[in-house]
Amino acid sequence: MCFELGGPWTLGLVTVVLTVCAGEMFSTLPHADHRPQYRPARFPGLVAVAGLAIAPYFQRAFAYPVIFALLVIVLLAWYSFVDLKASLVSDLGMTLFVVAYVGGLGSFASLILGLGRAGQTGSLSNQGIGVILAAVMVTVCYDVGAFFTGKQFGRRPLSKLSPNKTLEGLAGGVGAGIVIPTLIVGVGGIHPVGTNLSTAFTFCLICALMAPVGDLCESAIKRSLGVKDLGVLIPGHGGVPDRFDAMLFVLPTAYFMARLLQLGAPKVF
């Protein structure tokens, strides 16, 4: 629905998802298997994530150094004058990590939408929406393909980071993330990724290869923290970060692929 309503509505969806995702991670950290326990600066961290979700839409890449510089200053003041019981270096570093991981990577969706405004001829014609839609398709197809293929045919473990994942699941997920979105986007002519079949295939191929990297990296984070999930909002599936782990790596990849393939008519990426 938000995709159909245009860039501002899509931006709103991105902001909500990233803020909730960061909020779940901040709530999980105090319960992590770490001594002393982490005390992330939840309020400034969430404000920074929301800022990263919104600012690139208007200021593009210029927003990043400003937000991160302000965040470091605010966090130093926070741990020096507000939360005196915290361990300044480790807790500040963990807060920065969550902001960079969720806000920094996820905000590429806003950056894509911001660049898409350059070729916009109407309120509903932001070409960045097509790029994000293709990225979402790749991620969803990868997740679903990996789950069902691994469940039915999985035999060989993929990595110690995530014992339940298998090589068969990886192959099935990547294959589904390439073939199905390529057909939908390419044959359906979803602009601007679907300008031709070869462009759609190249875009989906690279994005699908990055999806399992994001999946495994999130597993490494959870193993390091000693937690099973990074949230609890989705019963039986962990939290929002556990559902968007692959997407956080696919979005930056989609941005760089859009630039590399020079997508847009007129060219805006």
C-alpha atoms as a PDB file:
ATOM      1  CA  MET A   1       0.000   0.000   0.000  1.00  0.00           C
ATOM      2  CA  CYS A   2       2.745   2.486   0.967  1.00  0.00           C
ATOM      3  CA  PHE A   3       4.599   1.717  -2.279  1.00  0.00           C
ATOM      4  CA  GLU A   4       1.482   2.612  -4.258  1.00  0.00           C
ATOM      5  CA  LEU A   5       0.981   5.883  -2.359  1.00  0.00           C
ATOM      6  CA  GLY A   6       4.414   7.222  -3.311  1.00  0.00           C
ATOM      7  CA  GLY A   7       7.759   8.249  -1.852  1.00  0.00           C
ATOM      8  CA  PRO A   8       6.687  10.018   1.377  1.00  0.00           C
ATOM      9  CA  TRP A   9       4.507   7.101   2.460  1.00  0.00           C
ATOM     10  CA  THR A  10       7.253   4.624   1.650  1.00  0.00           C
ATOM     11  CA  LEU A  11       9.662   6.793   3.628  1.00  0.00           C
ATOM     12  CA  GLY A  12       7.256   6.665   6.568  1.00  0.00           C
ATOM     13  CA  LEU A  13       7.150   2.875   6.402  1.00  0.00           C
ATOM     14  CA  VAL A  14      10.953   2.686   6.308  1.00  0.00           C
ATOM     15  CA  THR A  15      11.217   5.008   9.316  1.00  0.00           C
ATOM     16  CA  VAL A  16       8.764   2.989  11.397  1.00  0.00           C
ATOM     17  CA  VAL A  17      10.399  -0.353  10.583  1.00  0.00           C
ATOM     18  CA  LEU A  18      13.940   0.851  11.307  1.00  0.00           C
ATOM     19  CA  THR A  19      12.949   2.585  14.553  1.00  0.00           C
ATOM     20  CA  VAL A  20      11.096  -0.490  15.821  1.00  0.00           C
ATOM     21  CA  CYS A  21      14.011  -2.692  14.762  1.00  0.00           C
ATOM     22  CA  ALA A  22      16.508  -0.531  16.662  1.00  0.00           C
ATOM     23  CA  GLY A  23      14.196  -0.332  19.663  1.00  0.00           C
ATOM     24  CA  GLU A  24      14.077  -4.126  19.900  1.00  0.00           C
ATOM     25  CA  MET A  25      17.853  -4.374  19.734  1.00  0.00           C
ATOM     26  CA  PHE A  26      18.270  -1.723  22.438  1.00  0.00           C
ATOM     27  CA  SER A  27      15.808  -3.643  24.631  1.00  0.00           C
ATOM     28  CA  THR A  28      17.692  -6.910  24.091  1.00  0.00           C
ATOM     29  CA  LEU A  29      21.180  -5.622  24.933  1.00  0.00           C
ATOM     30  CA  PRO A  30      20.686  -5.245  28.727  1.00  0.00           C
ATOM     31  CA  HIS A  31      19.750  -8.957  28.823  1.00  0.00           C
ATOM     32  CA  ALA A  32      22.696 -10.137  26.727  1.00  0.00           C
ATOM     33  CA  ASP A  33      25.171 -12.632  28.185  1.00  0.00           C
ATOM     34  CA  HIS A  34      27.758  -9.935  28.857  1.00  0.00           C
ATOM     35  CA  ARG A  35      29.231  -8.725  32.130  1.00  0.00           C
ATOM     36  CA  PRO A  36      28.845  -5.932  32.945  1.00  0.00           C
ATOM     37  CA  GLN A  37      25.562  -5.720  31.060  1.00  0.00           C
ATOM     38  CA  TYR A  38      25.257  -3.160  28.293  1.00  0.00           C
ATOM     39  CA  ARG A  39      23.428   0.105  28.988  1.00  0.00           C
ATOM     40  CA  PRO A  40      22.710   1.537  25.523  1.00  0.00           C
ATOM     41  CA  ALA A  41      21.528   5.140  25.267  1.00  0.00           C
ATOM     42  CA  ARG A  42      18.099   4.200  23.978  1.00  0.00           C
ATOM     43  CA  PHE A  43      16.565   7.660  23.448  1.00  0.00           C
ATOM     44  CA  PRO A  44      19.432   9.342  21.525  1.00  0.00           C
ATOM     45  CA  GLY A  45      19.984   6.106  19.639  1.00  0.00           C
ATOM     46  CA  LEU A  46      16.375   5.930  18.447  1.00  0.00           C
ATOM     47  CA  VAL A  47      16.409   9.610  17.483  1.00  0.00           C
ATOM     48  CA  ALA A  48      19.552   8.990  15.435  1.00  0.00           C
ATOM     49  CA  VAL A  49      18.022   5.963  13.690  1.00  0.00           C
ATOM     50  CA  ALA A  50      14.891   7.948  12.846  1.00  0.00           C
ATOM     51  CA  GLY A  51      17.114  10.774  11.572  1.00  0.00           C
ATOM     52  CA  LEU A  52      19.057   8.360   9.379  1.00  0.00           C
ATOM     53  CA  ALA A  53      15.778   6.973   8.063  1.00  0.00           C
ATOM     54  CA  ILE A  54      14.492  10.406   7.048  1.00  0.00           C
ATOM     55  CA  ALA A  55      17.399  12.760   6.290  1.00  0.00           C
ATOM     56  CA  PRO A  56      18.889  10.964   3.227  1.00  0.00           C
ATOM     57  CA  TYR A  57      15.542  11.383   1.469  1.00  0.00           C
ATOM     58  CA  PHE A  58      16.081  15.155   1.540  1.00  0.00           C
ATOM     59  CA  GLN A  59      19.861  15.600   1.815  1.00  0.00           C
ATOM     60  CA  ARG A  60      21.107  12.341   0.291  1.00  0.00           C
ATOM     61  CA  ALA A  61      24.617  11.275   1.367  1.00  0.00           C
ATOM     62  CA  PHE A  62      25.319  14.656   2.981  1.00  0.00           C
ATOM     63  CA  ALA A  63      23.108  13.602   5.899  1.00  0.00           C
ATOM     64  CA  TYR A  64      25.391  10.831   7.148  1.00  0.00           C
ATOM     65  CA  PRO A  65      28.441  12.729   8.471  1.00  0.00           C
ATOM     66  CA  VAL A  66      26.212  15.317  10.139  1.00  0.00           C
ATOM     67  CA  ILE A  67      24.052  12.768  11.954  1.00  0.00           C
ATOM     68  CA  PHE A  68      26.938  10.574  13.076  1.00  0.00           C
ATOM     69  CA  ALA A  69      29.000  13.550  14.257  1.00  0.00           C
ATOM     70  CA  LEU A  70      26.069  14.883  16.289  1.00  0.00           C
ATOM     71  CA  LEU A  71      25.392  11.407  17.660  1.00  0.00           C
ATOM     72  CA  VAL A  72      28.952  10.980  18.955  1.00  0.00           C
ATOM     73  CA  ILE A  73      28.796  14.386  20.672  1.00  0.00           C
ATOM     74  CA  VAL A  74      25.401  13.654  22.214  1.00  0.00           C
ATOM     75  CA  LEU A  75      26.456  10.190  23.408  1.00  0.00           C
ATOM     76  CA  LEU A  76      29.631  11.487  25.030  1.00  0.00           C
ATOM     77  CA  ALA A  77      27.557  14.067  26.880  1.00  0.00           C
ATOM     78  CA  TRP A  78      24.897  11.463  27.739  1.00  0.00           C
ATOM     79  CA  TYR A  79      27.348   9.075  29.377  1.00  0.00           C
ATOM     80  CA  SER A  80      29.296  11.898  31.019  1.00  0.00           C
ATOM     81  CA  PHE A  81      26.352  13.738  32.602  1.00  0.00           C
ATOM     82  CA  VAL A  82      23.165  11.617  32.404  1.00  0.00           C
ATOM     83  CA  ASP A  83      23.963   7.901  32.728  1.00  0.00           C
ATOM     84  CA  LEU A  84      26.959   7.948  35.036  1.00  0.00           C
ATOM     85  CA  LYS A  85      26.645   4.249  35.943  1.00  0.00           C
ATOM     86  CA  ALA A  86      27.334   3.143  32.386  1.00  0.00           C
ATOM     87  CA  SER A  87      30.699   2.109  31.005  1.00  0.00           C
ATOM     88  CA  LEU A  88      31.312   5.021  28.664  1.00  0.00           C
ATOM     89  CA  VAL A  89      33.455   3.312  26.036  1.00  0.00           C
ATOM     90  CA  SER A  90      31.673  -0.060  25.740  1.00  0.00           C
ATOM     91  CA  ASP A  91      28.114   1.269  26.090  1.00  0.00           C
ATOM     92  CA  LEU A  92      28.741   4.193  23.763  1.00  0.00           C
ATOM     93  CA  GLY A  93      30.313   1.798  21.262  1.00  0.00           C
ATOM     94  CA  MET A  94      27.353  -0.589  21.446  1.00  0.00           C
ATOM     95  CA  THR A  95      24.889   2.263  20.940  1.00  0.00           C
ATOM     96  CA  LEU A  96      26.854   3.417  17.905  1.00  0.00           C
ATOM     97  CA  PHE A  97      26.912  -0.143  16.606  1.00  0.00           C
ATOM     98  CA  VAL A  98      23.115  -0.504  16.731  1.00  0.00           C
ATOM     99  CA  VAL A  99      22.628   2.876  15.057  1.00  0.00           C
ATOM    100  CA  ALA A 100      25.138   2.026  12.315  1.00  0.00           C
ATOM    101  CA  TYR A 101      23.849  -1.520  11.815  1.00  0.00           C
ATOM    102  CA  VAL A 102      20.135  -0.761  11.722  1.00  0.00           C
ATOM    103  CA  GLY A 103      20.021   2.921  10.819  1.00  0.00           C
ATOM    104  CA  GLY A 104      23.137   3.110   8.674  1.00  0.00           C
ATOM    105  CA  LEU A 105      22.371   0.057   6.539  1.00  0.00           C
ATOM    106  CA  GLY A 106      18.587   0.402   6.542  1.00  0.00           C
ATOM    107  CA  SER A 107      18.720   4.072   5.583  1.00  0.00           C
ATOM    108  CA  PHE A 108      19.899   3.112   2.108  1.00  0.00           C
ATOM    109  CA  ALA A 109      16.184   2.698   1.392  1.00  0.00           C
ATOM    110  CA  SER A 110      15.746   6.418   2.103  1.00  0.00           C
ATOM    111  CA  LEU A 111      18.815   7.234   0.024  1.00  0.00           C
ATOM    112  CA  ILE A 112      17.334   5.281  -2.883  1.00  0.00           C
ATOM    113  CA  LEU A 113      14.056   7.171  -2.534  1.00  0.00           C
ATOM    114  CA  GLY A 114      15.933  10.470  -2.311  1.00  0.00           C
ATOM    115  CA  LEU A 115      17.763   9.821  -5.564  1.00  0.00           C
ATOM    116  CA  GLY A 116      14.515   8.666  -7.149  1.00  0.00           C
ATOM    117  CA  ARG A 117      13.020  12.106  -6.538  1.00  0.00           C
ATOM    118  CA  ALA A 118      15.417  13.569  -9.135  1.00  0.00           C
ATOM    119  CA  GLY A 119      13.504  12.015 -12.011  1.00  0.00           C
ATOM    120  CA  GLN A 120      10.097  12.362 -10.425  1.00  0.00           C
ATOM    121  CA  THR A 121       7.388  13.802 -12.635  1.00  0.00           C
ATOM    122  CA  GLY A 122       4.485  13.285 -10.252  1.00  0.00           C
ATOM    123  CA  SER A 123       3.748  12.469  -6.643  1.00  0.00           C
ATOM    124  CA  LEU A 124       3.542   8.738  -7.383  1.00  0.00           C
ATOM    125  CA  SER A 125       6.441   8.350  -9.839  1.00  0.00           C
ATOM    126  CA  ASN A 126       9.461   8.008  -7.536  1.00  0.00           C
ATOM    127  CA  GLN A 127      11.683   5.504  -9.341  1.00  0.00           C
ATOM    128  CA  GLY A 128      13.369   4.523  -6.089  1.00  0.00           C
ATOM    129  CA  ILE A 129      10.223   2.625  -5.132  1.00  0.00           C
ATOM    130  CA  GLY A 130      10.853   0.177  -7.977  1.00  0.00           C
ATOM    131  CA  VAL A 131      14.393  -0.453  -6.733  1.00  0.00           C
ATOM    132  CA  ILE A 132      13.208  -1.029  -3.151  1.00  0.00           C
ATOM    133  CA  LEU A 133      10.365  -3.261  -4.344  1.00  0.00           C
ATOM    134  CA  ALA A 134      12.851  -5.413  -6.284  1.00  0.00           C
ATOM    135  CA  ALA A 135      15.113  -5.605  -3.219  1.00  0.00           C
ATOM    136  CA  VAL A 136      12.186  -6.672  -1.032  1.00  0.00           C
ATOM    137  CA  MET A 137      11.219  -9.373  -3.545  1.00  0.00           C
ATOM    138  CA  VAL A 138      14.761 -10.759  -3.572  1.00  0.00           C
ATOM    139  CA  THR A 139      14.911 -10.859   0.225  1.00  0.00           C
ATOM    140  CA  VAL A 140      11.494 -12.442   0.700  1.00  0.00           C
ATOM    141  CA  CYS A 141      12.119 -15.052  -2.001  1.00  0.00           C
ATOM    142  CA  TYR A 142      15.510 -15.845  -0.460  1.00  0.00           C
ATOM    143  CA  ASP A 143      14.049 -16.265   3.030  1.00  0.00           C
ATOM    144  CA  VAL A 144      11.127 -18.407   1.885  1.00  0.00           C
ATOM    145  CA  GLY A 145      13.251 -20.479  -0.512  1.00  0.00           C
ATOM    146  CA  ALA A 146      15.952 -21.096   2.100  1.00  0.00           C
ATOM    147  CA  PHE A 147      13.389 -22.117   4.730  1.00  0.00           C
ATOM    148  CA  PHE A 148      11.475 -24.638   2.644  1.00  0.00           C
ATOM    149  CA  THR A 149      14.495 -26.039   0.800  1.00  0.00           C
ATOM    150  CA  GLY A 150      16.442 -26.422   4.033  1.00  0.00           C
ATOM    151  CA  LYS A 151      13.480 -28.038   5.774  1.00  0.00           C
ATOM    152  CA  GLN A 152      12.864 -30.557   2.987  1.00  0.00           C
ATOM    153  CA  PHE A 153      16.365 -31.298   1.708  1.00  0.00           C
ATOM    154  CA  GLY A 154      18.793 -29.857   4.252  1.00  0.00           C
ATOM    155  CA  ARG A 155      21.540 -32.269   5.251  1.00  0.00           C
ATOM    156  CA  ARG A 156      24.891 -30.473   5.373  1.00  0.00           C
ATOM    157  CA  PRO A 157      25.372 -27.687   7.961  1.00  0.00           C
ATOM    158  CA  LEU A 158      26.269 -24.323   6.495  1.00  0.00           C
ATOM    159  CA  SER A 159      28.142 -22.666   9.355  1.00  0.00           C
ATOM    160  CA  LYS A 160      28.827 -22.990  13.077  1.00  0.00           C
ATOM    161  CA  LEU A 161      27.370 -19.497  13.419  1.00  0.00           C
ATOM    162  CA  SER A 162      23.927 -20.901  12.689  1.00  0.00           C
ATOM    163  CA  PRO A 163      23.724 -24.702  13.090  1.00  0.00           C
ATOM    164  CA  ASN A 164      20.163 -24.896  11.743  1.00  0.00           C
ATOM    165  CA  LYS A 165      21.116 -23.479   8.338  1.00  0.00           C
ATOM    166  CA  THR A 166      22.236 -25.874   5.615  1.00  0.00           C
ATOM    167  CA  LEU A 167      24.063 -25.700   2.302  1.00  0.00           C
ATOM    168  CA  GLU A 168      20.942 -27.017   0.586  1.00  0.00           C
ATOM    169  CA  GLY A 169      18.881 -24.243   2.159  1.00  0.00           C
ATOM    170  CA  LEU A 170      21.444 -21.671   1.037  1.00  0.00           C
ATOM    171  CA  ALA A 171      21.335 -22.934  -2.548  1.00  0.00           C
ATOM    172  CA  GLY A 172      17.555 -23.026  -2.600  1.00  0.00           C
ATOM    173  CA  GLY A 173      17.254 -19.575  -1.075  1.00  0.00           C
ATOM    174  CA  VAL A 174      19.737 -17.928  -3.416  1.00  0.00           C
ATOM    175  CA  GLY A 175      18.188 -19.689  -6.408  1.00  0.00           C
ATOM    176  CA  ALA A 176      14.706 -18.521  -5.454  1.00  0.00           C
ATOM    177  CA  GLY A 177      16.031 -15.009  -4.772  1.00  0.00           C
ATOM    178  CA  ILE A 178      17.433 -14.845  -8.300  1.00  0.00           C
ATOM    179  CA  VAL A 179      14.885 -16.618 -10.483  1.00  0.00           C
ATOM    180  CA  ILE A 180      11.516 -15.535  -9.073  1.00  0.00           C
ATOM    181  CA  PRO A 181      12.240 -11.779  -8.726  1.00  0.00           C
ATOM    182  CA  THR A 182      13.943 -11.747 -12.131  1.00  0.00           C
ATOM    183  CA  LEU A 183      10.807 -13.133 -13.744  1.00  0.00           C
ATOM    184  CA  ILE A 184       8.463 -10.850 -11.831  1.00  0.00           C
ATOM    185  CA  VAL A 185      10.519  -7.688 -12.251  1.00  0.00           C
ATOM    186  CA  GLY A 186      11.971  -8.400 -15.683  1.00  0.00           C
ATOM    187  CA  VAL A 187       8.989  -9.921 -17.450  1.00  0.00           C
ATOM    188  CA  GLY A 188       6.603  -7.600 -15.605  1.00  0.00           C
ATOM    189  CA  GLY A 189       8.716  -4.592 -16.575  1.00  0.00           C
ATOM    190  CA  ILE A 190       8.747  -3.095 -13.075  1.00  0.00           C
ATOM    191  CA  HIS A 191      10.570   0.194 -13.546  1.00  0.00           C
ATOM    192  CA  PRO A 192      13.471   0.911 -13.333  1.00  0.00           C
ATOM    193  CA  VAL A 193      15.022  -2.510 -12.556  1.00  0.00           C
ATOM    194  CA  GLY A 194      12.885  -4.316 -15.099  1.00  0.00           C
ATOM    195  CA  THR A 195      13.946  -2.271 -18.123  1.00  0.00           C
ATOM    196  CA  ASN A 196      15.184  -5.536 -19.654  1.00  0.00           C
ATOM    197  CA  LEU A 197      15.657  -9.117 -18.512  1.00  0.00           C
ATOM    198  CA  SER A 198      19.464  -8.994 -18.338  1.00  0.00           C
ATOM    199  CA  THR A 199      19.404  -5.911 -16.102  1.00  0.00           C
ATOM    200  CA  ALA A 200      16.846  -7.511 -13.797  1.00  0.00           C
ATOM    201  CA  PHE A 201      18.884 -10.730 -13.646  1.00  0.00           C
ATOM    202  CA  THR A 202      22.132  -8.936 -12.792  1.00  0.00           C
ATOM    203  CA  PHE A 203      20.449  -6.852 -10.109  1.00  0.00           C
ATOM    204  CA  CYS A 204      18.708  -9.860  -8.518  1.00  0.00           C
ATOM    205  CA  LEU A 205      21.818 -12.049  -8.750  1.00  0.00           C
ATOM    206  CA  ILE A 206      24.066  -9.738  -6.727  1.00  0.00           C
ATOM    207  CA  CYS A 207      21.340  -8.869  -4.222  1.00  0.00           C
ATOM    208  CA  ALA A 208      20.498 -12.557  -3.712  1.00  0.00           C
ATOM    209  CA  LEU A 209      24.151 -13.367  -3.051  1.00  0.00           C
ATOM    210  CA  MET A 210      24.286 -10.707  -0.340  1.00  0.00           C
ATOM    211  CA  ALA A 211      21.126 -11.875   1.443  1.00  0.00           C
ATOM    212  CA  PRO A 212      22.736 -14.917   3.148  1.00  0.00           C
ATOM    213  CA  VAL A 213      25.699 -12.759   4.184  1.00  0.00           C
ATOM    214  CA  GLY A 214      23.337 -10.518   6.130  1.00  0.00           C
ATOM    215  CA  ASP A 215      21.630 -13.585   7.578  1.00  0.00           C
ATOM    216  CA  LEU A 216      24.883 -15.110   8.823  1.00  0.00           C
ATOM    217  CA  CYS A 217      26.225 -11.806  10.148  1.00  0.00           C
ATOM    218  CA  GLU A 218      23.126 -11.396  12.288  1.00  0.00           C
ATOM    219  CA  SER A 219      23.689 -14.933  13.593  1.00  0.00           C
ATOM    220  CA  ALA A 220      27.235 -13.929  14.498  1.00  0.00           C
ATOM    221  CA  ILE A 221      25.901 -10.907  16.400  1.00  0.00           C
ATOM    222  CA  LYS A 222      23.467 -13.057  18.374  1.00  0.00           C
ATOM    223  CA  ARG A 223      26.151 -15.633  19.163  1.00  0.00           C
ATOM    224  CA  SER A 224      28.476 -12.871  20.355  1.00  0.00           C
ATOM    225  CA  LEU A 225      25.769 -11.429  22.603  1.00  0.00           C
ATOM    226  CA  GLY A 226      24.650 -14.828  23.831  1.00  0.00           C
ATOM    227  CA  VAL A 227      20.995 -14.360  22.857  1.00  0.00           C
ATOM    228  CA  LYS A 228      18.657 -16.510  20.802  1.00  0.00           C
ATOM    229  CA  ASP A 229      16.750 -13.625  19.195  1.00  0.00           C
ATOM    230  CA  LEU A 230      17.168  -9.861  18.913  1.00  0.00           C
ATOM    231  CA  GLY A 231      13.561  -9.168  19.799  1.00  0.00           C
ATOM    232  CA  VAL A 232      10.198 -10.670  20.744  1.00  0.00           C
ATOM    233  CA  LEU A 233       7.587  -8.804  18.710  1.00  0.00           C
ATOM    234  CA  ILE A 234       6.976 -11.660  16.254  1.00  0.00           C
ATOM    235  CA  PRO A 235       5.910 -14.761  18.252  1.00  0.00           C
ATOM    236  CA  GLY A 236       7.777 -17.854  17.108  1.00  0.00           C
ATOM    237  CA  HIS A 237      10.095 -15.862  14.855  1.00  0.00           C
ATOM    238  CA  GLY A 238      12.016 -13.637  17.270  1.00  0.00           C
ATOM    239  CA  GLY A 239      11.883  -9.917  16.673  1.00  0.00           C
ATOM    240  CA  VAL A 240      11.866  -7.440  13.817  1.00  0.00           C
ATOM    241  CA  PRO A 241      15.702  -7.498  13.503  1.00  0.00           C
ATOM    242  CA  ASP A 242      15.531 -11.284  13.017  1.00  0.00           C
ATOM    243  CA  ARG A 243      13.172 -10.824  10.057  1.00  0.00           C
ATOM    244  CA  PHE A 244      15.074  -7.954   8.442  1.00  0.00           C
ATOM    245  CA  ASP A 245      18.639  -9.229   8.829  1.00  0.00           C
ATOM    246  CA  ALA A 246      19.055 -10.110   5.156  1.00  0.00           C
ATOM    247  CA  MET A 247      17.281  -6.919   4.070  1.00  0.00           C
ATOM    248  CA  LEU A 248      19.827  -4.756   5.901  1.00  0.00           C
ATOM    249  CA  PHE A 249      22.520  -6.098   3.566  1.00  0.00           C
ATOM    250  CA  VAL A 250      20.362  -6.217   0.440  1.00  0.00           C
ATOM    251  CA  LEU A 251      19.366  -2.525   0.602  1.00  0.00           C
ATOM    252  CA  PRO A 252      22.927  -1.110   0.315  1.00  0.00           C
ATOM    253  CA  THR A 253      23.600  -3.678  -2.413  1.00  0.00           C
ATOM    254  CA  ALA A 254      20.472  -2.561  -4.274  1.00  0.00           C
ATOM    255  CA  TYR A 255      21.640   1.059  -4.059  1.00  0.00           C
ATOM    256  CA  PHE A 256      25.100   0.294  -5.454  1.00  0.00           C
ATOM    257  CA  MET A 257      23.669  -1.952  -8.164  1.00  0.00           C
ATOM    258  CA  ALA A 258      21.243   0.789  -9.179  1.00  0.00           C
ATOM    259  CA  ARG A 259      24.210   3.150  -9.502  1.00  0.00           C
ATOM    260  CA  LEU A 260      26.343   0.584 -11.321  1.00  0.00           C
ATOM    261  CA  LEU A 261      23.578  -0.293 -13.788  1.00  0.00           C
ATOM    262  CA  GLN A 262      22.686   3.424 -14.162  1.00  0.00           C
ATOM    263  CA  LEU A 263      19.000   2.785 -13.666  1.00  0.00           C
ATOM    264  CA  GLY A 264      16.289   5.329 -14.259  1.00  0.00           C
ATOM    265  CA  ALA A 265      14.673   7.170 -17.128  1.00  0.00           C
ATOM    266  CA  PRO A 266      16.041   9.782 -17.207  1.00  0.00           C
ATOM    267  CA  LYS A 267      19.057   8.279 -15.438  1.00  0.00           C
ATOM    268  CA  VAL A 268      18.795   9.102 -11.736  1.00  0.00           C
ATOM    269  CA  PHE A 269      21.070   6.464 -10.202  1.00  0.00           C
END
